[in-house]
N, C-alpha and C. Protein backbone atom coordinates (compact mmCIF):
# COMPACT_ATOMS: atom_id res chain seq x y z
N MET A 1 -78.76 23.30 78.48
CA MET A 1 -77.58 23.93 79.06
C MET A 1 -76.31 23.46 78.35
N LYS A 2 -76.25 22.17 78.00
CA LYS A 2 -75.06 21.65 77.34
C LYS A 2 -74.81 22.32 76.00
N LYS A 3 -75.89 22.71 75.30
CA LYS A 3 -75.75 23.35 74.00
C LYS A 3 -75.31 24.80 74.12
N THR A 4 -75.63 25.46 75.21
CA THR A 4 -75.26 26.88 75.35
C THR A 4 -73.82 27.06 75.80
N LEU A 5 -73.23 26.10 76.50
CA LEU A 5 -71.85 26.24 76.94
C LEU A 5 -70.89 26.40 75.79
N PRO A 6 -70.95 25.56 74.73
CA PRO A 6 -70.04 25.78 73.61
C PRO A 6 -70.26 27.14 72.95
N LEU A 7 -71.49 27.60 72.87
CA LEU A 7 -71.77 28.90 72.27
C LEU A 7 -71.17 30.02 73.11
N ILE A 8 -71.31 29.95 74.42
CA ILE A 8 -70.74 30.96 75.30
C ILE A 8 -69.21 30.94 75.18
N GLY A 9 -68.63 29.76 75.17
CA GLY A 9 -67.18 29.63 75.02
C GLY A 9 -66.71 30.23 73.71
N PHE A 10 -67.43 29.98 72.63
CA PHE A 10 -67.07 30.55 71.34
C PHE A 10 -67.14 32.07 71.37
N LEU A 11 -68.20 32.62 71.95
CA LEU A 11 -68.34 34.07 72.00
C LEU A 11 -67.23 34.72 72.83
N LEU A 12 -66.86 34.08 73.91
CA LEU A 12 -65.78 34.62 74.74
C LEU A 12 -64.45 34.58 73.99
N LEU A 13 -64.18 33.50 73.30
CA LEU A 13 -62.92 33.36 72.58
C LEU A 13 -62.88 34.23 71.33
N ALA A 14 -64.03 34.50 70.74
CA ALA A 14 -64.07 35.29 69.51
C ALA A 14 -63.85 36.78 69.77
N GLN A 15 -64.06 37.24 71.00
CA GLN A 15 -63.88 38.66 71.33
C GLN A 15 -62.41 38.93 71.63
N PRO A 16 -61.86 40.02 71.07
CA PRO A 16 -60.47 40.34 71.43
C PRO A 16 -60.44 40.79 72.89
N PRO A 17 -59.38 40.47 73.61
CA PRO A 17 -59.29 40.89 75.00
C PRO A 17 -59.23 42.41 75.08
N LEU A 18 -59.71 42.97 76.18
CA LEU A 18 -59.72 44.42 76.34
C LEU A 18 -58.33 45.02 76.26
N TYR A 19 -57.33 44.33 76.77
CA TYR A 19 -56.00 44.90 76.75
C TYR A 19 -55.42 44.95 75.35
N ALA A 20 -55.99 44.24 74.39
CA ALA A 20 -55.47 44.25 73.03
C ALA A 20 -56.08 45.35 72.19
N GLN A 21 -57.07 46.04 72.71
CA GLN A 21 -57.70 47.10 71.95
C GLN A 21 -56.88 48.37 72.12
N ASN A 22 -56.60 49.03 71.01
CA ASN A 22 -55.79 50.24 71.06
C ASN A 22 -56.58 51.44 71.57
N ALA A 23 -57.88 51.46 71.33
CA ALA A 23 -58.69 52.56 71.83
C ALA A 23 -60.09 52.04 72.06
N HIS A 24 -60.72 52.52 73.12
CA HIS A 24 -62.10 52.18 73.40
C HIS A 24 -62.69 53.30 74.23
N GLU A 25 -63.97 53.26 74.42
CA GLU A 25 -64.62 54.31 75.19
C GLU A 25 -64.71 53.91 76.64
N ASP A 26 -64.47 54.89 77.52
CA ASP A 26 -64.61 54.60 78.95
C ASP A 26 -66.07 54.77 79.35
N GLU A 27 -66.34 54.72 80.65
CA GLU A 27 -67.72 54.77 81.12
C GLU A 27 -68.39 56.11 80.85
N HIS A 28 -67.60 57.14 80.51
CA HIS A 28 -68.16 58.45 80.20
C HIS A 28 -68.29 58.68 78.70
N GLY A 29 -67.98 57.67 77.89
CA GLY A 29 -68.09 57.79 76.45
C GLY A 29 -66.88 58.47 75.81
N GLU A 30 -65.82 58.70 76.60
CA GLU A 30 -64.63 59.33 76.06
C GLU A 30 -63.65 58.27 75.61
N GLU A 31 -62.95 58.55 74.54
CA GLU A 31 -62.01 57.57 74.01
C GLU A 31 -60.75 57.55 74.85
N GLU A 32 -60.29 56.34 75.18
CA GLU A 32 -59.05 56.17 75.91
C GLU A 32 -57.97 55.76 74.93
N THR A 33 -56.71 55.91 75.33
CA THR A 33 -55.61 55.63 74.43
C THR A 33 -55.27 54.16 74.34
N GLY A 34 -55.69 53.33 75.28
CA GLY A 34 -55.37 51.92 75.24
C GLY A 34 -54.07 51.58 75.95
N VAL A 35 -53.49 52.52 76.67
CA VAL A 35 -52.30 52.23 77.44
C VAL A 35 -52.68 52.18 78.91
N ALA A 36 -52.01 51.34 79.65
CA ALA A 36 -52.37 51.11 81.05
C ALA A 36 -51.62 52.06 81.97
N ASN A 37 -52.19 52.27 83.14
CA ASN A 37 -51.52 53.00 84.22
C ASN A 37 -51.06 54.39 83.79
N VAL A 38 -51.85 55.10 83.03
CA VAL A 38 -51.47 56.41 82.53
C VAL A 38 -52.54 57.42 82.91
N GLY A 39 -52.11 58.58 83.39
CA GLY A 39 -53.05 59.63 83.70
C GLY A 39 -52.47 60.62 84.68
N PRO A 40 -53.21 61.68 84.96
CA PRO A 40 -52.69 62.74 85.81
C PRO A 40 -52.36 62.31 87.24
N ASP A 41 -52.99 61.24 87.71
CA ASP A 41 -52.73 60.76 89.07
C ASP A 41 -51.80 59.55 89.09
N SER A 42 -51.17 59.24 87.96
CA SER A 42 -50.29 58.08 87.85
C SER A 42 -48.84 58.52 87.73
N ALA A 43 -47.94 57.56 87.88
CA ALA A 43 -46.52 57.84 87.69
C ALA A 43 -46.24 58.25 86.25
N VAL A 44 -46.96 57.61 85.30
CA VAL A 44 -46.82 57.96 83.88
C VAL A 44 -47.97 58.88 83.53
N LEU A 45 -47.65 60.11 83.17
CA LEU A 45 -48.66 61.11 82.88
C LEU A 45 -49.29 60.92 81.50
N GLU A 46 -48.46 60.61 80.52
CA GLU A 46 -48.91 60.41 79.14
C GLU A 46 -48.06 59.33 78.50
N ALA A 47 -48.64 58.66 77.49
CA ALA A 47 -47.90 57.65 76.73
C ALA A 47 -48.36 57.70 75.30
N ASP A 48 -47.40 57.62 74.40
CA ASP A 48 -47.68 57.66 72.98
C ASP A 48 -46.63 56.78 72.29
N PRO A 49 -47.05 55.82 71.47
CA PRO A 49 -46.07 54.92 70.83
C PRO A 49 -45.01 55.66 70.01
N ASP A 50 -45.34 56.83 69.46
CA ASP A 50 -44.37 57.57 68.65
C ASP A 50 -43.46 58.48 69.48
N ARG A 51 -44.01 59.08 70.53
CA ARG A 51 -43.23 60.02 71.33
C ARG A 51 -42.61 59.39 72.57
N GLY A 52 -43.18 58.30 73.07
CA GLY A 52 -42.68 57.66 74.27
C GLY A 52 -43.63 57.86 75.43
N PHE A 53 -43.08 58.16 76.61
CA PHE A 53 -43.91 58.36 77.79
C PHE A 53 -43.34 59.49 78.64
N ARG A 54 -44.24 60.16 79.37
CA ARG A 54 -43.86 61.24 80.28
C ARG A 54 -44.11 60.80 81.71
N LEU A 55 -43.12 61.01 82.56
CA LEU A 55 -43.22 60.65 83.98
C LEU A 55 -43.54 61.87 84.83
N SER A 56 -44.24 61.62 85.93
CA SER A 56 -44.45 62.69 86.91
C SER A 56 -43.11 62.98 87.58
N GLU A 57 -43.02 64.16 88.17
CA GLU A 57 -41.79 64.53 88.87
C GLU A 57 -41.51 63.57 90.02
N LYS A 58 -42.56 63.15 90.72
CA LYS A 58 -42.39 62.20 91.82
C LYS A 58 -41.84 60.87 91.30
N ALA A 59 -42.33 60.41 90.16
CA ALA A 59 -41.85 59.16 89.58
C ALA A 59 -40.38 59.28 89.18
N ARG A 60 -40.00 60.42 88.63
CA ARG A 60 -38.58 60.62 88.26
C ARG A 60 -37.69 60.53 89.49
N ARG A 61 -38.14 61.15 90.59
CA ARG A 61 -37.35 61.09 91.84
C ARG A 61 -37.30 59.67 92.38
N THR A 62 -38.45 59.00 92.35
CA THR A 62 -38.52 57.63 92.88
C THR A 62 -37.62 56.69 92.07
N LEU A 63 -37.64 56.83 90.74
CA LEU A 63 -36.82 55.98 89.88
C LEU A 63 -35.36 56.41 89.90
N ASP A 64 -35.08 57.58 90.49
CA ASP A 64 -33.73 58.11 90.60
C ASP A 64 -33.08 58.25 89.22
N VAL A 65 -33.84 58.85 88.29
CA VAL A 65 -33.37 59.03 86.92
C VAL A 65 -32.45 60.24 86.85
N GLU A 66 -31.29 60.06 86.21
CA GLU A 66 -30.36 61.16 85.97
C GLU A 66 -30.06 61.22 84.47
N PHE A 67 -29.65 62.41 84.01
CA PHE A 67 -29.46 62.64 82.59
C PHE A 67 -28.08 63.19 82.28
N LYS A 68 -27.73 63.07 81.00
CA LYS A 68 -26.49 63.62 80.47
C LYS A 68 -26.80 64.13 79.07
N PRO A 69 -26.12 65.17 78.60
CA PRO A 69 -26.34 65.61 77.23
C PRO A 69 -26.13 64.47 76.23
N ALA A 70 -26.87 64.52 75.13
CA ALA A 70 -26.84 63.43 74.15
C ALA A 70 -25.53 63.35 73.38
N SER A 71 -24.74 64.40 73.38
CA SER A 71 -23.49 64.36 72.64
C SER A 71 -22.35 63.85 73.53
N GLY A 72 -21.35 63.25 72.91
CA GLY A 72 -20.18 62.78 73.65
C GLY A 72 -20.33 61.35 74.15
N LEU A 73 -19.43 60.97 75.03
CA LEU A 73 -19.42 59.62 75.57
C LEU A 73 -20.44 59.49 76.70
N LEU A 74 -20.98 58.30 76.81
CA LEU A 74 -21.99 57.99 77.82
C LEU A 74 -21.50 56.85 78.71
N PRO A 75 -21.96 56.81 79.96
CA PRO A 75 -21.63 55.64 80.79
C PRO A 75 -22.35 54.41 80.25
N LYS A 76 -21.73 53.26 80.47
CA LYS A 76 -22.36 52.01 80.00
C LYS A 76 -23.72 51.79 80.65
N SER A 77 -23.96 52.40 81.80
CA SER A 77 -25.24 52.25 82.49
C SER A 77 -26.40 52.86 81.71
N SER A 78 -26.11 53.68 80.72
CA SER A 78 -27.17 54.31 79.93
C SER A 78 -27.70 53.40 78.83
N VAL A 79 -27.02 52.30 78.57
CA VAL A 79 -27.37 51.42 77.44
C VAL A 79 -28.33 50.32 77.88
N VAL A 80 -29.34 50.10 77.05
CA VAL A 80 -30.32 49.04 77.26
C VAL A 80 -30.08 47.97 76.20
N HIS A 81 -30.01 46.73 76.63
CA HIS A 81 -29.89 45.60 75.68
C HIS A 81 -31.19 44.80 75.76
N PHE A 82 -31.81 44.55 74.61
CA PHE A 82 -33.04 43.77 74.57
C PHE A 82 -33.06 43.00 73.26
N LYS A 83 -33.39 41.72 73.39
CA LYS A 83 -33.35 40.81 72.23
C LYS A 83 -32.01 41.00 71.54
N ASP A 84 -32.00 41.32 70.26
CA ASP A 84 -30.74 41.56 69.54
C ASP A 84 -30.50 43.03 69.31
N GLU A 85 -31.10 43.87 70.10
CA GLU A 85 -31.04 45.31 69.91
C GLU A 85 -30.32 46.00 71.07
N THR A 86 -29.90 47.23 70.80
CA THR A 86 -29.27 48.09 71.79
C THR A 86 -29.91 49.47 71.68
N GLY A 87 -30.07 50.13 72.81
CA GLY A 87 -30.66 51.46 72.76
C GLY A 87 -30.36 52.26 74.00
N VAL A 88 -30.78 53.52 73.96
CA VAL A 88 -30.68 54.43 75.10
C VAL A 88 -32.02 55.14 75.22
N TYR A 89 -32.31 55.67 76.41
CA TYR A 89 -33.52 56.45 76.60
C TYR A 89 -33.21 57.92 76.41
N ARG A 90 -33.77 58.45 75.33
CA ARG A 90 -33.66 59.88 75.03
C ARG A 90 -34.76 60.61 75.80
N VAL A 91 -34.41 61.80 76.29
CA VAL A 91 -35.40 62.65 76.94
C VAL A 91 -35.48 63.93 76.11
N ARG A 92 -36.67 64.18 75.57
CA ARG A 92 -36.91 65.36 74.74
C ARG A 92 -38.24 65.97 75.16
N ASP A 93 -38.22 67.20 75.58
CA ASP A 93 -39.43 67.89 76.01
C ASP A 93 -40.19 67.09 77.07
N GLY A 94 -39.46 66.41 77.95
CA GLY A 94 -40.07 65.64 79.03
C GLY A 94 -40.55 64.25 78.64
N TRP A 95 -40.38 63.86 77.39
CA TRP A 95 -40.79 62.53 76.91
C TRP A 95 -39.60 61.59 76.87
N PHE A 96 -39.77 60.40 77.46
CA PHE A 96 -38.74 59.35 77.41
C PHE A 96 -39.03 58.46 76.22
N LYS A 97 -38.04 58.24 75.39
CA LYS A 97 -38.22 57.40 74.20
C LYS A 97 -36.99 56.52 74.03
N LEU A 98 -37.22 55.23 73.85
CA LEU A 98 -36.11 54.30 73.61
C LEU A 98 -35.65 54.47 72.17
N ILE A 99 -34.38 54.79 72.00
CA ILE A 99 -33.78 55.01 70.69
C ILE A 99 -32.83 53.86 70.42
N GLU A 100 -33.05 53.16 69.32
CA GLU A 100 -32.19 52.03 68.96
C GLU A 100 -30.97 52.52 68.20
N GLY A 101 -29.88 51.78 68.35
CA GLY A 101 -28.65 52.12 67.66
C GLY A 101 -27.52 51.20 68.10
N GLU A 102 -26.30 51.68 67.94
CA GLU A 102 -25.11 50.93 68.30
C GLU A 102 -24.35 51.64 69.41
N ALA A 103 -23.87 50.88 70.37
CA ALA A 103 -23.06 51.43 71.45
C ALA A 103 -21.62 50.99 71.22
N GLU A 104 -20.79 51.91 70.77
CA GLU A 104 -19.38 51.62 70.49
C GLU A 104 -18.57 51.80 71.77
N PRO A 105 -17.89 50.74 72.23
CA PRO A 105 -17.13 50.85 73.48
C PRO A 105 -15.94 51.80 73.37
N HIS A 106 -15.75 52.60 74.41
CA HIS A 106 -14.60 53.50 74.55
C HIS A 106 -14.17 53.42 76.01
N GLY A 107 -13.38 52.39 76.34
CA GLY A 107 -12.98 52.19 77.72
C GLY A 107 -14.17 51.81 78.58
N HIS A 108 -14.40 52.58 79.64
CA HIS A 108 -15.53 52.33 80.53
C HIS A 108 -16.79 53.06 80.09
N GLN A 109 -16.74 53.67 78.94
CA GLN A 109 -17.87 54.41 78.41
C GLN A 109 -18.21 53.91 77.01
N VAL A 110 -19.27 54.49 76.43
CA VAL A 110 -19.68 54.13 75.06
C VAL A 110 -20.00 55.41 74.29
N ARG A 111 -19.84 55.31 73.00
CA ARG A 111 -20.35 56.34 72.11
C ARG A 111 -21.57 55.73 71.43
N PHE A 112 -22.71 56.35 71.62
CA PHE A 112 -23.95 55.82 71.06
C PHE A 112 -24.21 56.45 69.70
N VAL A 113 -24.44 55.58 68.71
CA VAL A 113 -24.76 56.02 67.36
C VAL A 113 -26.18 55.54 67.05
N PRO A 114 -27.12 56.48 66.93
CA PRO A 114 -28.51 56.07 66.70
C PRO A 114 -28.69 55.45 65.31
N GLU A 115 -29.67 54.57 65.22
CA GLU A 115 -30.00 53.92 63.95
C GLU A 115 -30.42 54.95 62.91
N HIS A 116 -31.18 55.95 63.35
CA HIS A 116 -31.65 57.02 62.47
C HIS A 116 -31.04 58.33 62.95
N LYS A 117 -30.37 59.01 62.06
CA LYS A 117 -29.61 60.21 62.42
C LYS A 117 -30.44 61.25 63.18
N GLY A 118 -31.67 61.47 62.81
CA GLY A 118 -32.49 62.49 63.44
C GLY A 118 -33.03 62.12 64.81
N ASP A 119 -32.75 60.90 65.28
CA ASP A 119 -33.29 60.46 66.57
C ASP A 119 -32.66 61.17 67.76
N LEU A 120 -31.45 61.71 67.59
CA LEU A 120 -30.80 62.43 68.68
C LEU A 120 -30.38 63.81 68.20
N ARG A 121 -30.76 64.82 68.99
CA ARG A 121 -30.37 66.21 68.73
C ARG A 121 -29.44 66.67 69.85
N LYS A 122 -28.70 67.73 69.59
CA LYS A 122 -27.80 68.26 70.61
C LYS A 122 -28.55 68.69 71.87
N SER A 123 -29.79 69.12 71.71
CA SER A 123 -30.57 69.58 72.86
C SER A 123 -31.18 68.43 73.67
N ASP A 124 -31.13 67.20 73.14
CA ASP A 124 -31.67 66.04 73.85
C ASP A 124 -30.77 65.65 75.00
N ARG A 125 -31.36 64.93 75.95
CA ARG A 125 -30.60 64.35 77.04
C ARG A 125 -30.77 62.84 77.00
N ILE A 126 -29.83 62.13 77.60
CA ILE A 126 -29.87 60.66 77.67
C ILE A 126 -29.93 60.28 79.15
N ALA A 127 -30.82 59.35 79.46
CA ALA A 127 -30.89 58.83 80.83
C ALA A 127 -29.66 57.98 81.09
N VAL A 128 -28.96 58.27 82.18
CA VAL A 128 -27.75 57.53 82.51
C VAL A 128 -27.88 56.77 83.83
N LYS A 129 -28.95 57.04 84.55
CA LYS A 129 -29.20 56.36 85.81
C LYS A 129 -30.70 56.08 85.90
N GLY A 130 -31.06 54.92 86.45
CA GLY A 130 -32.47 54.53 86.53
C GLY A 130 -32.97 53.90 85.25
N VAL A 131 -32.08 53.58 84.34
CA VAL A 131 -32.44 53.07 83.01
C VAL A 131 -33.20 51.74 83.06
N PRO A 132 -32.78 50.75 83.86
CA PRO A 132 -33.55 49.50 83.89
C PRO A 132 -35.01 49.72 84.31
N LEU A 133 -35.24 50.65 85.24
CA LEU A 133 -36.61 50.91 85.67
C LEU A 133 -37.40 51.67 84.61
N LEU A 134 -36.72 52.46 83.79
CA LEU A 134 -37.40 53.09 82.65
C LEU A 134 -37.89 52.03 81.68
N ARG A 135 -37.06 51.01 81.45
CA ARG A 135 -37.44 49.93 80.54
C ARG A 135 -38.65 49.18 81.09
N VAL A 136 -38.65 48.87 82.37
CA VAL A 136 -39.78 48.18 82.99
C VAL A 136 -41.03 49.05 82.88
N THR A 137 -40.89 50.34 83.11
CA THR A 137 -42.02 51.26 83.00
C THR A 137 -42.59 51.24 81.59
N GLU A 138 -41.72 51.34 80.60
CA GLU A 138 -42.17 51.34 79.21
C GLU A 138 -42.90 50.04 78.87
N LEU A 139 -42.34 48.92 79.25
CA LEU A 139 -42.97 47.64 78.95
C LEU A 139 -44.33 47.53 79.64
N ASP A 140 -44.41 48.00 80.87
CA ASP A 140 -45.68 47.94 81.61
C ASP A 140 -46.74 48.82 80.95
N VAL A 141 -46.37 50.03 80.61
CA VAL A 141 -47.33 50.98 80.06
C VAL A 141 -47.85 50.54 78.70
N PHE A 142 -46.97 50.10 77.83
CA PHE A 142 -47.40 49.79 76.47
C PHE A 142 -47.88 48.36 76.28
N SER A 143 -47.48 47.43 77.13
CA SER A 143 -47.91 46.03 76.92
C SER A 143 -49.41 45.86 77.14
N ALA A 144 -50.00 46.59 78.06
CA ALA A 144 -51.42 46.45 78.32
C ALA A 144 -52.27 47.09 77.23
N GLY A 145 -51.70 48.01 76.47
CA GLY A 145 -52.48 48.69 75.44
C GLY A 145 -52.34 48.06 74.07
N GLY A 146 -51.65 46.96 73.97
CA GLY A 146 -51.50 46.34 72.67
C GLY A 146 -50.34 46.93 71.89
N GLY A 147 -49.83 48.08 72.36
CA GLY A 147 -48.67 48.66 71.70
C GLY A 147 -47.44 47.87 72.10
N ASP A 148 -46.43 47.90 71.29
CA ASP A 148 -45.25 47.12 71.58
C ASP A 148 -44.00 47.89 71.19
N PRO A 149 -43.79 49.08 71.78
CA PRO A 149 -42.63 49.83 71.39
C PRO A 149 -41.33 49.09 71.67
N HIS A 150 -40.72 48.64 70.66
CA HIS A 150 -39.42 47.98 70.71
C HIS A 150 -39.40 46.69 71.52
N GLY A 151 -40.55 46.17 71.86
CA GLY A 151 -40.59 44.89 72.56
C GLY A 151 -40.55 43.75 71.59
N HIS A 152 -40.81 44.05 70.33
CA HIS A 152 -40.83 43.09 69.22
C HIS A 152 -41.57 41.87 69.63
């Protein structure tokens, strides 16, 4: 028994944890995306590291998310500060995506300049209310799947 314990310990430590796998098969043999708490019966309907995440209508109401057109000045409440970065949550085709850039102060508002010019279009909207909970949602959804959108 003493000889098998180190072997079992080694095997357990040598396996990557399930939450670190980006994709694996579920009990039906179908590939999952590797993100947590996502699906048709969840608050987050879909999640994709490139596109962001989509919320159910009930989740949007619960989080009390409000939007403003992407052009012009934004309330300071729309800005997210994390590590040494600044960003806003863009909403495009129902997908929430954290866009990094600079928030230039203009009185009680800011003008947001994205890091990459194509990240914001005139047709996009910016979340101006419920933003802290959007950040928590994003971190929760992507941290369990090994993805790390802007969490660095």
